[in-house]
Amino acid sequence: MRNAGRITEWNDEKGFGFVVPNGDGIRAFVHISQFQRNSRRPVAGDLISYLPVVDECGRTNAQQIRHAGERVAPPGRHRFFRERCWGFVCLG
């Protein structure tokens, strides 16, 4: 089940921070790689939705992160964007 929360700490230089869920819950680690492609850079105070996942060490990590109000990117769109940006020809 997805959670909603606010990023309370963010280190843009290192690309990570922490989110505290709305209501009760455990603070989760946030990494820039878990945001949708083409999302804006996060900052402390941003509202996000995420999937909380507990790793093998018992730490809670935020995955599949979206900024509040951000639509889910359609599948396949990123491949075309990436190829166009790098100058490759899209064959599909």
PDB file of N, CA and C in Angstrom:
ATOM      1  N   MET A   1       0.839  -1.174   0.000  1.00  0.00           N
ATOM      2  CA  MET A   1       0.000   0.000   0.000  1.00  0.00           C
ATOM      3  C   MET A   1       0.891   1.246   0.000  1.00  0.00           C
ATOM      4  N   ARG A   2       0.556   2.223  -0.843  1.00  0.00           N
ATOM      5  CA  ARG A   2       1.338   3.454  -0.945  1.00  0.00           C
ATOM      6  C   ARG A   2       1.102   4.343   0.272  1.00  0.00           C
ATOM      7  N   ASN A   3       2.131   5.071   0.644  1.00  0.00           N
ATOM      8  CA  ASN A   3       2.050   6.061   1.707  1.00  0.00           C
ATOM      9  C   ASN A   3       2.189   7.453   1.114  1.00  0.00           C
ATOM     10  N   ALA A   4       1.710   8.430   1.827  1.00  0.00           N
ATOM     11  CA  ALA A   4       1.938   9.831   1.494  1.00  0.00           C
ATOM     12  C   ALA A   4       2.718  10.433   2.645  1.00  0.00           C
ATOM     13  N   GLY A   5       3.638  11.325   2.335  1.00  0.00           N
ATOM     14  CA  GLY A   5       4.433  11.934   3.385  1.00  0.00           C
ATOM     15  C   GLY A   5       5.171  13.158   2.891  1.00  0.00           C
ATOM     16  N   ARG A   6       5.986  13.714   3.777  1.00  0.00           N
ATOM     17  CA  ARG A   6       6.745  14.928   3.479  1.00  0.00           C
ATOM     18  C   ARG A   6       8.233  14.626   3.635  1.00  0.00           C
ATOM     19  N   ILE A   7       9.025  15.076   2.669  1.00  0.00           N
ATOM     20  CA  ILE A   7      10.476  14.933   2.775  1.00  0.00           C
ATOM     21  C   ILE A   7      10.949  15.905   3.856  1.00  0.00           C
ATOM     22  N   THR A   8      11.561  15.352   4.903  1.00  0.00           N
ATOM     23  CA  THR A   8      12.007  16.176   6.025  1.00  0.00           C
ATOM     24  C   THR A   8      13.473  16.548   5.915  1.00  0.00           C
ATOM     25  N   GLU A   9      14.253  15.717   5.233  1.00  0.00           N
ATOM     26  CA  GLU A   9      15.678  15.986   5.038  1.00  0.00           C
ATOM     27  C   GLU A   9      16.012  15.640   3.596  1.00  0.00           C
ATOM     28  N   TRP A  10      16.837  16.483   2.939  1.00  0.00           N
ATOM     29  CA  TRP A  10      17.263  16.188   1.574  1.00  0.00           C
ATOM     30  C   TRP A  10      18.667  16.730   1.348  1.00  0.00           C
ATOM     31  N   ASN A  11      19.583  15.860   0.878  1.00  0.00           N
ATOM     32  CA  ASN A  11      20.944  16.237   0.517  1.00  0.00           C
ATOM     33  C   ASN A  11      21.031  16.125  -1.000  1.00  0.00           C
ATOM     34  N   ASP A  12      20.873  17.251  -1.699  1.00  0.00           N
ATOM     35  CA  ASP A  12      20.822  17.223  -3.158  1.00  0.00           C
ATOM     36  C   ASP A  12      22.153  16.809  -3.766  1.00  0.00           C
ATOM     37  N   GLU A  13      23.237  17.162  -3.102  1.00  0.00           N
ATOM     38  CA  GLU A  13      24.562  16.792  -3.599  1.00  0.00           C
ATOM     39  C   GLU A  13      24.732  15.272  -3.646  1.00  0.00           C
ATOM     40  N   LYS A  14      24.197  14.579  -2.654  1.00  0.00           N
ATOM     41  CA  LYS A  14      24.316  13.118  -2.587  1.00  0.00           C
ATOM     42  C   LYS A  14      23.088  12.398  -3.140  1.00  0.00           C
ATOM     43  N   GLY A  15      21.974  13.125  -3.343  1.00  0.00           N
ATOM     44  CA  GLY A  15      20.791  12.531  -3.949  1.00  0.00           C
ATOM     45  C   GLY A  15      19.973  11.641  -3.037  1.00  0.00           C
ATOM     46  N   PHE A  16      19.964  11.950  -1.747  1.00  0.00           N
ATOM     47  CA  PHE A  16      19.134  11.167  -0.834  1.00  0.00           C
ATOM     48  C   PHE A  16      18.625  12.011   0.325  1.00  0.00           C
ATOM     49  N   GLY A  17      17.646  11.440   1.034  1.00  0.00           N
ATOM     50  CA  GLY A  17      17.069  12.102   2.195  1.00  0.00           C
ATOM     51  C   GLY A  17      16.118  11.163   2.904  1.00  0.00           C
ATOM     52  N   PHE A  18      15.161  11.745   3.632  1.00  0.00           N
ATOM     53  CA  PHE A  18      14.208  10.957   4.406  1.00  0.00           C
ATOM     54  C   PHE A  18      12.817  11.543   4.299  1.00  0.00           C
ATOM     55  N   VAL A  19      11.826  10.670   4.368  1.00  0.00           N
ATOM     56  CA  VAL A  19      10.422  11.078   4.332  1.00  0.00           C
ATOM     57  C   VAL A  19       9.748  10.569   5.599  1.00  0.00           C
ATOM     58  N   VAL A  20       8.867  11.390   6.150  1.00  0.00           N
ATOM     59  CA  VAL A  20       8.048  10.995   7.293  1.00  0.00           C
ATOM     60  C   VAL A  20       6.614  10.886   6.780  1.00  0.00           C
ATOM     61  N   PRO A  21       5.980   9.716   6.977  1.00  0.00           N
ATOM     62  CA  PRO A  21       4.619   9.536   6.464  1.00  0.00           C
ATOM     63  C   PRO A  21       3.610  10.393   7.219  1.00  0.00           C
ATOM     64  N   ASN A  22       2.542  10.769   6.528  1.00  0.00           N
ATOM     65  CA  ASN A  22       1.444  11.494   7.176  1.00  0.00           C
ATOM     66  C   ASN A  22       0.812  10.572   8.208  1.00  0.00           C
ATOM     67  N   GLY A  23       0.467  11.106   9.361  1.00  0.00           N
ATOM     68  CA  GLY A  23      -0.102  10.276  10.423  1.00  0.00           C
ATOM     69  C   GLY A  23       1.005   9.502  11.105  1.00  0.00           C
ATOM     70  N   ASP A  24       0.714   8.296  11.476  1.00  0.00           N
ATOM     71  CA  ASP A  24       1.703   7.443  12.141  1.00  0.00           C
ATOM     72  C   ASP A  24       2.500   6.654  11.114  1.00  0.00           C
ATOM     73  N   GLY A  25       3.730   6.358  11.461  1.00  0.00           N
ATOM     74  CA  GLY A  25       4.548   5.534  10.583  1.00  0.00           C
ATOM     75  C   GLY A  25       6.023   5.749  10.819  1.00  0.00           C
ATOM     76  N   ILE A  26       6.801   4.957  10.132  1.00  0.00           N
ATOM     77  CA  ILE A  26       8.248   4.974  10.282  1.00  0.00           C
ATOM     78  C   ILE A  26       8.877   5.817   9.181  1.00  0.00           C
ATOM     79  N   ARG A  27       9.851   6.615   9.545  1.00  0.00           N
ATOM     80  CA  ARG A  27      10.621   7.418   8.592  1.00  0.00           C
ATOM     81  C   ARG A  27      11.282   6.481   7.588  1.00  0.00           C
ATOM     82  N   ALA A  28      11.298   6.873   6.318  1.00  0.00           N
ATOM     83  CA  ALA A  28      11.859   6.032   5.263  1.00  0.00           C
ATOM     84  C   ALA A  28      12.974   6.771   4.529  1.00  0.00           C
ATOM     85  N   PHE A  29      13.947   6.008   4.072  1.00  0.00           N
ATOM     86  CA  PHE A  29      15.047   6.513   3.265  1.00  0.00           C
ATOM     87  C   PHE A  29      14.541   6.789   1.854  1.00  0.00           C
ATOM     88  N   VAL A  30      14.939   7.914   1.278  1.00  0.00           N
ATOM     89  CA  VAL A  30      14.527   8.316  -0.075  1.00  0.00           C
ATOM     90  C   VAL A  30      15.787   8.471  -0.925  1.00  0.00           C
ATOM     91  N   HIS A  31      15.812   7.845  -2.107  1.00  0.00           N
ATOM     92  CA  HIS A  31      16.941   8.003  -3.028  1.00  0.00           C
ATOM     93  C   HIS A  31      16.444   8.555  -4.359  1.00  0.00           C
ATOM     94  N   ILE A  32      17.230   9.416  -4.970  1.00  0.00           N
ATOM     95  CA  ILE A  32      16.842  10.079  -6.210  1.00  0.00           C
ATOM     96  C   ILE A  32      16.482   9.077  -7.313  1.00  0.00           C
ATOM     97  N   SER A  33      17.088   7.905  -7.301  1.00  0.00           N
ATOM     98  CA  SER A  33      16.835   6.908  -8.346  1.00  0.00           C
ATOM     99  C   SER A  33      15.419   6.340  -8.297  1.00  0.00           C
ATOM    100  N   GLN A  34      14.709   6.540  -7.188  1.00  0.00           N
ATOM    101  CA  GLN A  34      13.364   5.986  -7.047  1.00  0.00           C
ATOM    102  C   GLN A  34      12.265   6.931  -7.529  1.00  0.00           C
ATOM    103  N   PHE A  35      12.626   8.161  -7.949  1.00  0.00           N
ATOM    104  CA  PHE A  35      11.651   9.086  -8.513  1.00  0.00           C
ATOM    105  C   PHE A  35      11.429   8.747  -9.978  1.00  0.00           C
ATOM    106  N   GLN A  36      10.231   9.027 -10.482  1.00  0.00           N
ATOM    107  CA  GLN A  36       9.949   8.828 -11.901  1.00  0.00           C
ATOM    108  C   GLN A  36      10.932   9.633 -12.732  1.00  0.00           C
ATOM    109  N   ARG A  37      11.259   9.108 -13.899  1.00  0.00           N
ATOM    110  CA  ARG A  37      12.093   9.864 -14.836  1.00  0.00           C
ATOM    111  C   ARG A  37      11.364  11.153 -15.197  1.00  0.00           C
ATOM    112  N   ASN A  38      12.119  12.179 -15.476  1.00  0.00           N
ATOM    113  CA  ASN A  38      11.598  13.493 -15.856  1.00  0.00           C
ATOM    114  C   ASN A  38      10.925  14.233 -14.702  1.00  0.00           C
ATOM    115  N   SER A  39      11.038  13.706 -13.471  1.00  0.00           N
ATOM    116  CA  SER A  39      10.519  14.429 -12.309  1.00  0.00           C
ATOM    117  C   SER A  39      11.462  15.572 -11.978  1.00  0.00           C
ATOM    118  N   ARG A  40      10.947  16.584 -11.339  1.00  0.00           N
ATOM    119  CA  ARG A  40      11.820  17.656 -10.877  1.00  0.00           C
ATOM    120  C   ARG A  40      12.632  17.162  -9.682  1.00  0.00           C
ATOM    121  N   ARG A  41      13.713  17.854  -9.385  1.00  0.00           N
ATOM    122  CA  ARG A  41      14.546  17.479  -8.239  1.00  0.00           C
ATOM    123  C   ARG A  41      13.761  17.713  -6.952  1.00  0.00           C
ATOM    124  N   PRO A  42      13.823  16.772  -6.026  1.00  0.00           N
ATOM    125  CA  PRO A  42      13.131  16.966  -4.750  1.00  0.00           C
ATOM    126  C   PRO A  42      13.853  17.973  -3.861  1.00  0.00           C
ATOM    127  N   VAL A  43      13.104  18.551  -2.944  1.00  0.00           N
ATOM    128  CA  VAL A  43      13.652  19.448  -1.924  1.00  0.00           C
ATOM    129  C   VAL A  43      12.958  19.129  -0.603  1.00  0.00           C
ATOM    130  N   ALA A  44      13.598  19.511   0.492  1.00  0.00           N
ATOM    131  CA  ALA A  44      12.978  19.314   1.813  1.00  0.00           C
ATOM    132  C   ALA A  44      11.645  20.042   1.838  1.00  0.00           C
ATOM    133  N   GLY A  45      10.627  19.382   2.360  1.00  0.00           N
ATOM    134  CA  GLY A  45       9.286  19.952   2.442  1.00  0.00           C
ATOM    135  C   GLY A  45       8.345  19.453   1.366  1.00  0.00           C
ATOM    136  N   ASP A  46       8.876  18.799   0.326  1.00  0.00           N
ATOM    137  CA  ASP A  46       8.016  18.269  -0.740  1.00  0.00           C
ATOM    138  C   ASP A  46       7.080  17.188  -0.214  1.00  0.00           C
ATOM    139  N   LEU A  47       5.853  17.202  -0.728  1.00  0.00           N
ATOM    140  CA  LEU A  47       4.904  16.128  -0.456  1.00  0.00           C
ATOM    141  C   LEU A  47       5.077  15.073  -1.541  1.00  0.00           C
ATOM    142  N   ILE A  48       5.173  13.810  -1.119  1.00  0.00           N
ATOM    143  CA  ILE A  48       5.366  12.721  -2.070  1.00  0.00           C
ATOM    144  C   ILE A  48       4.462  11.539  -1.706  1.00  0.00           C
ATOM    145  N   SER A  49       4.271  10.652  -2.671  1.00  0.00           N
ATOM    146  CA  SER A  49       3.659   9.353  -2.378  1.00  0.00           C
ATOM    147  C   SER A  49       4.705   8.308  -2.746  1.00  0.00           C
ATOM    148  N   TYR A  50       4.692   7.200  -2.018  1.00  0.00           N
ATOM    149  CA  TYR A  50       5.739   6.195  -2.207  1.00  0.00           C
ATOM    150  C   TYR A  50       5.276   4.840  -1.693  1.00  0.00           C
ATOM    151  N   LEU A  51       6.011   3.818  -2.101  1.00  0.00           N
ATOM    152  CA  LEU A  51       5.783   2.469  -1.634  1.00  0.00           C
ATOM    153  C   LEU A  51       6.851   2.156  -0.592  1.00  0.00           C
ATOM    154  N   PRO A  52       6.470   1.951   0.695  1.00  0.00           N
ATOM    155  CA  PRO A  52       7.475   1.633   1.706  1.00  0.00           C
ATOM    156  C   PRO A  52       7.888   0.164   1.606  1.00  0.00           C
ATOM    157  N   VAL A  53       9.190  -0.077   1.566  1.00  0.00           N
ATOM    158  CA  VAL A  53       9.730  -1.433   1.453  1.00  0.00           C
ATOM    159  C   VAL A  53      10.800  -1.601   2.519  1.00  0.00           C
ATOM    160  N   VAL A  54      10.730  -2.705   3.263  1.00  0.00           N
ATOM    161  CA  VAL A  54      11.723  -2.989   4.297  1.00  0.00           C
ATOM    162  C   VAL A  54      12.802  -3.874   3.689  1.00  0.00           C
ATOM    163  N   ASP A  55      14.074  -3.432   3.792  1.00  0.00           N
ATOM    164  CA  ASP A  55      15.173  -4.214   3.224  1.00  0.00           C
ATOM    165  C   ASP A  55      15.602  -5.330   4.175  1.00  0.00           C
ATOM    166  N   GLU A  56      16.608  -6.100   3.762  1.00  0.00           N
ATOM    167  CA  GLU A  56      17.062  -7.254   4.546  1.00  0.00           C
ATOM    168  C   GLU A  56      17.671  -6.875   5.887  1.00  0.00           C
ATOM    169  N   CYS A  57      18.037  -5.606   6.061  1.00  0.00           N
ATOM    170  CA  CYS A  57      18.585  -5.131   7.341  1.00  0.00           C
ATOM    171  C   CYS A  57      17.514  -4.515   8.234  1.00  0.00           C
ATOM    172  N   GLY A  58      16.240  -4.523   7.783  1.00  0.00           N
ATOM    173  CA  GLY A  58      15.149  -3.991   8.579  1.00  0.00           C
ATOM    174  C   GLY A  58      14.907  -2.503   8.413  1.00  0.00           C
ATOM    175  N   ARG A  59      15.583  -1.866   7.434  1.00  0.00           N
ATOM    176  CA  ARG A  59      15.423  -0.433   7.197  1.00  0.00           C
ATOM    177  C   ARG A  59      14.292  -0.197   6.195  1.00  0.00           C
ATOM    178  N   THR A  60      13.525   0.851   6.416  1.00  0.00           N
ATOM    179  CA  THR A  60      12.424   1.181   5.508  1.00  0.00           C
ATOM    180  C   THR A  60      12.933   2.128   4.429  1.00  0.00           C
ATOM    181  N   ASN A  61      12.672   1.759   3.172  1.00  0.00           N
ATOM    182  CA  ASN A  61      13.071   2.554   2.012  1.00  0.00           C
ATOM    183  C   ASN A  61      11.832   2.930   1.216  1.00  0.00           C
ATOM    184  N   ALA A  62      11.849   4.139   0.658  1.00  0.00           N
ATOM    185  CA  ALA A  62      10.762   4.593  -0.208  1.00  0.00           C
ATOM    186  C   ALA A  62      11.094   4.196  -1.648  1.00  0.00           C
ATOM    187  N   GLN A  63      10.150   3.545  -2.312  1.00  0.00           N
ATOM    188  CA  GLN A  63      10.320   3.153  -3.704  1.00  0.00           C
ATOM    189  C   GLN A  63       9.150   3.657  -4.525  1.00  0.00           C
ATOM    190  N   GLN A  64       9.338   3.707  -5.847  1.00  0.00           N
ATOM    191  CA  GLN A  64       8.287   4.158  -6.776  1.00  0.00           C
ATOM    192  C   GLN A  64       7.722   5.512  -6.326  1.00  0.00           C
ATOM    193  N   ILE A  65       8.602   6.473  -6.151  1.00  0.00           N
ATOM    194  CA  ILE A  65       8.237   7.779  -5.586  1.00  0.00           C
ATOM    195  C   ILE A  65       7.677   8.713  -6.651  1.00  0.00           C
ATOM    196  N   ARG A  66       6.606   9.426  -6.271  1.00  0.00           N
ATOM    197  CA  ARG A  66       6.027  10.479  -7.120  1.00  0.00           C
ATOM    198  C   ARG A  66       5.769  11.711  -6.261  1.00  0.00           C
ATOM    199  N   HIS A  67       5.986  12.881  -6.850  1.00  0.00           N
ATOM    200  CA  HIS A  67       5.603  14.119  -6.167  1.00  0.00           C
ATOM    201  C   HIS A  67       4.073  14.166  -6.090  1.00  0.00           C
ATOM    202  N   ALA A  68       3.550  14.819  -5.070  1.00  0.00           N
ATOM    203  CA  ALA A  68       2.099  14.955  -4.927  1.00  0.00           C
ATOM    204  C   ALA A  68       1.526  15.598  -6.188  1.00  0.00           C
ATOM    205  N   GLY A  69       0.486  14.996  -6.733  1.00  0.00           N
ATOM    206  CA  GLY A  69      -0.173  15.512  -7.925  1.00  0.00           C
ATOM    207  C   GLY A  69       0.473  15.104  -9.229  1.00  0.00           C
ATOM    208  N   GLU A  70       1.615  14.439  -9.179  1.00  0.00           N
ATOM    209  CA  GLU A  70       2.306  14.012 -10.395  1.00  0.00           C
ATOM    210  C   GLU A  70       1.643  12.754 -10.960  1.00  0.00           C
ATOM    211  N   ARG A  71       1.390  12.756 -12.231  1.00  0.00           N
ATOM    212  CA  ARG A  71       0.768  11.597 -12.874  1.00  0.00           C
ATOM    213  C   ARG A  71       1.792  10.490 -13.064  1.00  0.00           C
ATOM    214  N   VAL A  72       1.284   9.269 -13.128  1.00  0.00           N
ATOM    215  CA  VAL A  72       2.137   8.116 -13.385  1.00  0.00           C
ATOM    216  C   VAL A  72       2.567   8.183 -14.844  1.00  0.00           C
ATOM    217  N   ALA A  73       3.868   8.076 -15.087  1.00  0.00           N
ATOM    218  CA  ALA A  73       4.379   8.113 -16.455  1.00  0.00           C
ATOM    219  C   ALA A  73       3.976   6.831 -17.181  1.00  0.00           C
ATOM    220  N   PRO A  74       3.493   6.939 -18.419  1.00  0.00           N
ATOM    221  CA  PRO A  74       3.107   5.740 -19.157  1.00  0.00           C
ATOM    222  C   PRO A  74       4.324   4.878 -19.488  1.00  0.00           C
ATOM    223  N   PRO A  75       4.167   3.554 -19.489  1.00  0.00           N
ATOM    224  CA  PRO A  75       5.299   2.676 -19.797  1.00  0.00           C
ATOM    225  C   PRO A  75       5.769   2.886 -21.229  1.00  0.00           C
ATOM    226  N   GLY A  76       7.067   2.744 -21.432  1.00  0.00           N
ATOM    227  CA  GLY A  76       7.638   2.860 -22.760  1.00  0.00           C
ATOM    228  C   GLY A  76       8.011   4.270 -23.159  1.00  0.00           C
ATOM    229  N   ARG A  77       7.460   5.253 -22.530  1.00  0.00           N
ATOM    230  CA  ARG A  77       7.714   6.647 -22.879  1.00  0.00           C
ATOM    231  C   ARG A  77       9.170   7.026 -22.620  1.00  0.00           C
ATOM    232  N   HIS A  78       9.739   6.491 -21.575  1.00  0.00           N
ATOM    233  CA  HIS A  78      11.090   6.861 -21.191  1.00  0.00           C
ATOM    234  C   HIS A  78      12.117   6.395 -22.213  1.00  0.00           C
ATOM    235  N   ARG A  79      11.910   5.226 -22.805  1.00  0.00           N
ATOM    236  CA  ARG A  79      12.852   4.693 -23.785  1.00  0.00           C
ATOM    237  C   ARG A  79      12.972   5.652 -24.959  1.00  0.00           C
ATOM    238  N   PHE A  80      11.860   6.104 -25.482  1.00  0.00           N
ATOM    239  CA  PHE A  80      11.869   7.017 -26.616  1.00  0.00           C
ATOM    240  C   PHE A  80      12.558   8.323 -26.235  1.00  0.00           C
ATOM    241  N   PHE A  81      12.226   8.855 -25.072  1.00  0.00           N
ATOM    242  CA  PHE A  81      12.829  10.103 -24.618  1.00  0.00           C
ATOM    243  C   PHE A  81      14.336   9.954 -24.504  1.00  0.00           C
ATOM    244  N   ARG A  82      14.787   8.876 -23.894  1.00  0.00           N
ATOM    245  CA  ARG A  82      16.209   8.637 -23.684  1.00  0.00           C
ATOM    246  C   ARG A  82      16.930   8.527 -25.032  1.00  0.00           C
ATOM    247  N   GLU A  83      16.346   7.795 -25.974  1.00  0.00           N
ATOM    248  CA  GLU A  83      16.982   7.616 -27.272  1.00  0.00           C
ATOM    249  C   GLU A  83      17.033   8.937 -28.041  1.00  0.00           C
ATOM    250  N   ARG A  84      15.981   9.710 -27.973  1.00  0.00           N
ATOM    251  CA  ARG A  84      15.961  10.994 -28.677  1.00  0.00           C
ATOM    252  C   ARG A  84      17.007  11.941 -28.090  1.00  0.00           C
ATOM    253  N   CYS A  85      17.133  11.936 -26.784  1.00  0.00           N
ATOM    254  CA  CYS A  85      18.085  12.836 -26.151  1.00  0.00           C
ATOM    255  C   CYS A  85      19.534  12.460 -26.469  1.00  0.00           C
ATOM    256  N   TRP A  86      19.792  11.192 -26.665  1.00  0.00           N
ATOM    257  CA  TRP A  86      21.170  10.748 -26.925  1.00  0.00           C
ATOM    258  C   TRP A  86      21.460  10.636 -28.421  1.00  0.00           C
ATOM    259  N   GLY A  87      20.503  11.007 -29.264  1.00  0.00           N
ATOM    260  CA  GLY A  87      20.749  11.038 -30.692  1.00  0.00           C
ATOM    261  C   GLY A  87      20.544   9.724 -31.415  1.00  0.00           C
ATOM    262  N   PHE A  88      20.019   8.714 -30.751  1.00  0.00           N
ATOM    263  CA  PHE A  88      19.750   7.441 -31.407  1.00  0.00           C
ATOM    264  C   PHE A  88      18.425   7.523 -32.153  1.00  0.00           C
ATOM    265  N   VAL A  89      18.278   6.687 -33.116  1.00  0.00           N
ATOM    266  CA  VAL A  89      17.033   6.613 -33.873  1.00  0.00           C
ATOM    267  C   VAL A  89      16.105   5.644 -33.175  1.00  0.00           C
ATOM    268  N   CYS A  90      14.858   6.056 -32.959  1.00  0.00           N
ATOM    269  CA  CYS A  90      13.875   5.179 -32.331  1.00  0.00           C
ATOM    270  C   CYS A  90      13.278   4.266 -33.397  1.00  0.00           C
ATOM    271  N   LEU A  91      13.454   2.972 -33.222  1.00  0.00           N
ATOM    272  CA  LEU A  91      12.961   2.009 -34.196  1.00  0.00           C
ATOM    273  C   LEU A  91      11.596   1.461 -33.851  1.00  0.00           C
ATOM    274  N   GLY A  92      11.120   1.737 -32.624  1.00  0.00           N
ATOM    275  CA  GLY A  92       9.855   1.148 -32.204  1.00  0.00           C
ATOM    276  C   GLY A  92       8.806   2.082 -32.043  1.00  0.00           C
TER     277      GLY A  92
END
